Amino acid sequence: MKSTRKGLREDALYKDNYERIACSECEETLKRENDPDEVYAVRTCPNCGKQWKELP
């Protein structure tokens, strides 16, 4: 699982007009899952199911 920063650099992700991170393939805004035991949040595309880590 790659980070959201790497996804943005590799054009797998992009930011829309409101600075929300979206999947380039599906053009859907990513959903966030916060696990209290982990340092990072997991961002998931609702259509294709790809996941990225979002570090604070």
PDB file of N, CA and C in Angstrom:
ATOM      1  N   MET A   1       0.843  -1.163   0.000  1.00  0.00           N
ATOM      2  CA  MET A   1       0.000   0.000   0.000  1.00  0.00           C
ATOM      3  C   MET A   1       0.899   1.240   0.000  1.00  0.00           C
ATOM      4  N   LYS A   2       0.715   2.094  -0.969  1.00  0.00           N
ATOM      5  CA  LYS A   2       1.516   3.312  -1.090  1.00  0.00           C
ATOM      6  C   LYS A   2       0.862   4.451  -0.317  1.00  0.00           C
ATOM      7  N   SER A   3       1.622   5.510  -0.117  1.00  0.00           N
ATOM      8  CA  SER A   3       1.081   6.678   0.571  1.00  0.00           C
ATOM      9  C   SER A   3       0.340   7.577  -0.423  1.00  0.00           C
ATOM     10  N   THR A   4      -0.491   8.458   0.108  1.00  0.00           N
ATOM     11  CA  THR A   4      -1.235   9.379  -0.758  1.00  0.00           C
ATOM     12  C   THR A   4      -0.293  10.350  -1.464  1.00  0.00           C
ATOM     13  N   ARG A   5       0.806  10.709  -0.825  1.00  0.00           N
ATOM     14  CA  ARG A   5       1.778  11.613  -1.466  1.00  0.00           C
ATOM     15  C   ARG A   5       2.390  10.976  -2.706  1.00  0.00           C
ATOM     16  N   LYS A   6       2.747   9.683  -2.607  1.00  0.00           N
ATOM     17  CA  LYS A   6       3.285   8.982  -3.779  1.00  0.00           C
ATOM     18  C   LYS A   6       2.225   8.843  -4.859  1.00  0.00           C
ATOM     19  N   GLY A   7       0.986   8.599  -4.453  1.00  0.00           N
ATOM     20  CA  GLY A   7      -0.111   8.506  -5.412  1.00  0.00           C
ATOM     21  C   GLY A   7      -0.332   9.808  -6.161  1.00  0.00           C
ATOM     22  N   LEU A   8      -0.203  10.930  -5.466  1.00  0.00           N
ATOM     23  CA  LEU A   8      -0.341  12.235  -6.117  1.00  0.00           C
ATOM     24  C   LEU A   8       0.813  12.486  -7.088  1.00  0.00           C
ATOM     25  N   ARG A   9       2.027  12.107  -6.679  1.00  0.00           N
ATOM     26  CA  ARG A   9       3.194  12.300  -7.559  1.00  0.00           C
ATOM     27  C   ARG A   9       3.138  11.419  -8.799  1.00  0.00           C
ATOM     28  N   GLU A  10       2.588  10.202  -8.661  1.00  0.00           N
ATOM     29  CA  GLU A  10       2.525   9.261  -9.786  1.00  0.00           C
ATOM     30  C   GLU A  10       1.251   9.430 -10.615  1.00  0.00           C
ATOM     31  N   ASP A  11       0.440  10.444 -10.310  1.00  0.00           N
ATOM     32  CA  ASP A  11      -0.815  10.737 -11.005  1.00  0.00           C
ATOM     33  C   ASP A  11      -1.856   9.631 -10.863  1.00  0.00           C
ATOM     34  N   ALA A  12      -1.759   8.800  -9.822  1.00  0.00           N
ATOM     35  CA  ALA A  12      -2.805   7.830  -9.524  1.00  0.00           C
ATOM     36  C   ALA A  12      -3.932   8.510  -8.755  1.00  0.00           C
ATOM     37  N   LEU A  13      -3.595   9.643  -8.105  1.00  0.00           N
ATOM     38  CA  LEU A  13      -4.552  10.454  -7.365  1.00  0.00           C
ATOM     39  C   LEU A  13      -4.438  11.896  -7.825  1.00  0.00           C
ATOM     40  N   TYR A  14      -5.481  12.676  -7.585  1.00  0.00           N
ATOM     41  CA  TYR A  14      -5.419  14.106  -7.860  1.00  0.00           C
ATOM     42  C   TYR A  14      -6.299  14.836  -6.854  1.00  0.00           C
ATOM     43  N   LYS A  15      -6.106  16.147  -6.756  1.00  0.00           N
ATOM     44  CA  LYS A  15      -6.937  16.962  -5.881  1.00  0.00           C
ATOM     45  C   LYS A  15      -7.942  17.715  -6.732  1.00  0.00           C
ATOM     46  N   ASP A  16      -9.201  17.709  -6.292  1.00  0.00           N
ATOM     47  CA  ASP A  16     -10.238  18.412  -7.041  1.00  0.00           C
ATOM     48  C   ASP A  16     -10.260  19.896  -6.650  1.00  0.00           C
ATOM     49  N   ASN A  17     -11.265  20.611  -7.091  1.00  0.00           N
ATOM     50  CA  ASN A  17     -11.345  22.053  -6.841  1.00  0.00           C
ATOM     51  C   ASN A  17     -11.429  22.403  -5.367  1.00  0.00           C
ATOM     52  N   TYR A  18     -11.925  21.498  -4.565  1.00  0.00           N
ATOM     53  CA  TYR A  18     -12.075  21.739  -3.133  1.00  0.00           C
ATOM     54  C   TYR A  18     -10.962  21.102  -2.316  1.00  0.00           C
ATOM     55  N   GLU A  19      -9.848  20.730  -2.971  1.00  0.00           N
ATOM     56  CA  GLU A  19      -8.663  20.134  -2.341  1.00  0.00           C
ATOM     57  C   GLU A  19      -8.942  18.752  -1.740  1.00  0.00           C
ATOM     58  N   ARG A  20      -9.980  18.060  -2.208  1.00  0.00           N
ATOM     59  CA  ARG A  20     -10.244  16.685  -1.785  1.00  0.00           C
ATOM     60  C   ARG A  20      -9.446  15.750  -2.682  1.00  0.00           C
ATOM     61  N   ILE A  21      -8.917  14.674  -2.102  1.00  0.00           N
ATOM     62  CA  ILE A  21      -8.131  13.707  -2.875  1.00  0.00           C
ATOM     63  C   ILE A  21      -9.083  12.742  -3.562  1.00  0.00           C
ATOM     64  N   ALA A  22      -8.868  12.539  -4.860  1.00  0.00           N
ATOM     65  CA  ALA A  22      -9.733  11.662  -5.643  1.00  0.00           C
ATOM     66  C   ALA A  22      -8.895  10.696  -6.466  1.00  0.00           C
ATOM     67  N   CYS A  23      -9.478   9.557  -6.819  1.00  0.00           N
ATOM     68  CA  CYS A  23      -8.835   8.535  -7.635  1.00  0.00           C
ATOM     69  C   CYS A  23      -8.851   8.997  -9.100  1.00  0.00           C
ATOM     70  N   SER A  24      -7.721   8.945  -9.771  1.00  0.00           N
ATOM     71  CA  SER A  24      -7.645   9.371 -11.169  1.00  0.00           C
ATOM     72  C   SER A  24      -8.367   8.409 -12.092  1.00  0.00           C
ATOM     73  N   GLU A  25      -8.378   7.138 -11.751  1.00  0.00           N
ATOM     74  CA  GLU A  25      -8.996   6.120 -12.594  1.00  0.00           C
ATOM     75  C   GLU A  25     -10.525   6.226 -12.569  1.00  0.00           C
ATOM     76  N   CYS A  26     -11.100   6.366 -11.375  1.00  0.00           N
ATOM     77  CA  CYS A  26     -12.565   6.370 -11.217  1.00  0.00           C
ATOM     78  C   CYS A  26     -13.154   7.774 -11.082  1.00  0.00           C
ATOM     79  N   GLU A  27     -12.306   8.751 -10.754  1.00  0.00           N
ATOM     80  CA  GLU A  27     -12.720  10.134 -10.509  1.00  0.00           C
ATOM     81  C   GLU A  27     -13.699  10.236  -9.350  1.00  0.00           C
ATOM     82  N   GLU A  28     -13.495   9.400  -8.313  1.00  0.00           N
ATOM     83  CA  GLU A  28     -14.316   9.406  -7.107  1.00  0.00           C
ATOM     84  C   GLU A  28     -13.472   9.897  -5.925  1.00  0.00           C
ATOM     85  N   THR A  29     -14.085  10.642  -5.021  1.00  0.00           N
ATOM     86  CA  THR A  29     -13.418  11.098  -3.813  1.00  0.00           C
ATOM     87  C   THR A  29     -13.158   9.908  -2.901  1.00  0.00           C
ATOM     88  N   LEU A  30     -11.964   9.875  -2.304  1.00  0.00           N
ATOM     89  CA  LEU A  30     -11.581   8.757  -1.447  1.00  0.00           C
ATOM     90  C   LEU A  30     -12.262   8.844  -0.086  1.00  0.00           C
ATOM     91  N   LYS A  31     -12.586   7.689   0.466  1.00  0.00           N
ATOM     92  CA  LYS A  31     -13.162   7.586   1.805  1.00  0.00           C
ATOM     93  C   LYS A  31     -12.042   7.331   2.795  1.00  0.00           C
ATOM     94  N   ARG A  32     -12.197   7.831   4.033  1.00  0.00           N
ATOM     95  CA  ARG A  32     -11.159   7.718   5.055  1.00  0.00           C
ATOM     96  C   ARG A  32     -11.600   6.741   6.136  1.00  0.00           C
ATOM     97  N   GLU A  33     -10.668   5.873   6.554  1.00  0.00           N
ATOM     98  CA  GLU A  33     -10.892   4.954   7.674  1.00  0.00           C
ATOM     99  C   GLU A  33      -9.789   5.192   8.696  1.00  0.00           C
ATOM    100  N   ASN A  34     -10.158   5.638   9.887  1.00  0.00           N
ATOM    101  CA  ASN A  34      -9.190   5.867  10.959  1.00  0.00           C
ATOM    102  C   ASN A  34      -9.194   4.696  11.920  1.00  0.00           C
ATOM    103  N   ASP A  35      -8.048   4.041  12.046  1.00  0.00           N
ATOM    104  CA  ASP A  35      -7.879   2.975  13.032  1.00  0.00           C
ATOM    105  C   ASP A  35      -7.155   3.583  14.230  1.00  0.00           C
ATOM    106  N   PRO A  36      -7.736   3.554  15.413  1.00  0.00           N
ATOM    107  CA  PRO A  36      -7.096   4.202  16.568  1.00  0.00           C
ATOM    108  C   PRO A  36      -5.759   3.586  16.965  1.00  0.00           C
ATOM    109  N   ASP A  37      -5.492   2.351  16.547  1.00  0.00           N
ATOM    110  CA  ASP A  37      -4.230   1.693  16.903  1.00  0.00           C
ATOM    111  C   ASP A  37      -3.103   2.015  15.926  1.00  0.00           C
ATOM    112  N   GLU A  38      -3.404   2.645  14.802  1.00  0.00           N
ATOM    113  CA  GLU A  38      -2.393   2.955  13.791  1.00  0.00           C
ATOM    114  C   GLU A  38      -2.118   4.449  13.753  1.00  0.00           C
ATOM    115  N   VAL A  39      -0.931   4.813  13.279  1.00  0.00           N
ATOM    116  CA  VAL A  39      -0.544   6.213  13.151  1.00  0.00           C
ATOM    117  C   VAL A  39      -1.181   6.833  11.912  1.00  0.00           C
ATOM    118  N   TYR A  40      -1.379   6.048  10.893  1.00  0.00           N
ATOM    119  CA  TYR A  40      -1.877   6.554   9.613  1.00  0.00           C
ATOM    120  C   TYR A  40      -3.360   6.232   9.426  1.00  0.00           C
ATOM    121  N   ALA A  41      -3.989   6.961   8.510  1.00  0.00           N
ATOM    122  CA  ALA A  41      -5.362   6.674   8.103  1.00  0.00           C
ATOM    123  C   ALA A  41      -5.313   5.958   6.761  1.00  0.00           C
ATOM    124  N   VAL A  42      -6.294   5.138   6.474  1.00  0.00           N
ATOM    125  CA  VAL A  42      -6.365   4.425   5.198  1.00  0.00           C
ATOM    126  C   VAL A  42      -7.406   5.115   4.336  1.00  0.00           C
ATOM    127  N   ARG A  43      -6.997   5.524   3.125  1.00  0.00           N
ATOM    128  CA  ARG A  43      -7.914   6.141   2.178  1.00  0.00           C
ATOM    129  C   ARG A  43      -8.258   5.107   1.122  1.00  0.00           C
ATOM    130  N   THR A  44      -9.546   4.913   0.844  1.00  0.00           N
ATOM    131  CA  THR A  44     -10.024   3.873  -0.058  1.00  0.00           C
ATOM    132  C   THR A  44     -10.929   4.470  -1.120  1.00  0.00           C
ATOM    133  N   CYS A  45     -10.753   4.029  -2.365  1.00  0.00           N
ATOM    134  CA  CYS A  45     -11.641   4.428  -3.450  1.00  0.00           C
ATOM    135  C   CYS A  45     -12.901   3.562  -3.371  1.00  0.00           C
ATOM    136  N   PRO A  46     -14.098   4.166  -3.352  1.00  0.00           N
ATOM    137  CA  PRO A  46     -15.315   3.369  -3.236  1.00  0.00           C
ATOM    138  C   PRO A  46     -15.618   2.518  -4.472  1.00  0.00           C
ATOM    139  N   ASN A  47     -15.127   2.902  -5.641  1.00  0.00           N
ATOM    140  CA  ASN A  47     -15.417   2.139  -6.865  1.00  0.00           C
ATOM    141  C   ASN A  47     -14.448   0.998  -7.102  1.00  0.00           C
ATOM    142  N   CYS A  48     -13.144   1.295  -7.174  1.00  0.00           N
ATOM    143  CA  CYS A  48     -12.172   0.258  -7.539  1.00  0.00           C
ATOM    144  C   CYS A  48     -11.574  -0.451  -6.340  1.00  0.00           C
ATOM    145  N   GLY A  49     -11.693   0.124  -5.126  1.00  0.00           N
ATOM    146  CA  GLY A  49     -11.208  -0.527  -3.923  1.00  0.00           C
ATOM    147  C   GLY A  49      -9.719  -0.358  -3.647  1.00  0.00           C
ATOM    148  N   LYS A  50      -8.997   0.438  -4.433  1.00  0.00           N
ATOM    149  CA  LYS A  50      -7.585   0.665  -4.169  1.00  0.00           C
ATOM    150  C   LYS A  50      -7.419   1.456  -2.882  1.00  0.00           C
ATOM    151  N   GLN A  51      -6.304   1.193  -2.181  1.00  0.00           N
ATOM    152  CA  GLN A  51      -6.076   1.827  -0.892  1.00  0.00           C
ATOM    153  C   GLN A  51      -4.738   2.519  -0.848  1.00  0.00           C
ATOM    154  N   TRP A  52      -4.684   3.624  -0.092  1.00  0.00           N
ATOM    155  CA  TRP A  52      -3.476   4.398   0.139  1.00  0.00           C
ATOM    156  C   TRP A  52      -3.399   4.760   1.606  1.00  0.00           C
ATOM    157  N   LYS A  53      -2.173   4.882   2.118  1.00  0.00           N
ATOM    158  CA  LYS A  53      -1.957   5.347   3.496  1.00  0.00           C
ATOM    159  C   LYS A  53      -1.887   6.866   3.471  1.00  0.00           C
ATOM    160  N   GLU A  54      -2.480   7.488   4.490  1.00  0.00           N
ATOM    161  CA  GLU A  54      -2.356   8.936   4.645  1.00  0.00           C
ATOM    162  C   GLU A  54      -1.675   9.209   5.967  1.00  0.00           C
ATOM    163  N   LEU A  55      -0.443   9.682   5.890  1.00  0.00           N
ATOM    164  CA  LEU A  55       0.349   9.959   7.082  1.00  0.00           C
ATOM    165  C   LEU A  55       0.058  11.377   7.555  1.00  0.00           C
ATOM    166  N   PRO A  56       0.106  11.603   8.882  1.00  0.00           N
ATOM    167  CA  PRO A  56      -0.182  12.956   9.398  1.00  0.00           C
ATOM    168  C   PRO A  56       0.903  13.944   9.065  1.00  0.00           C
TER     169      PRO A  56
END
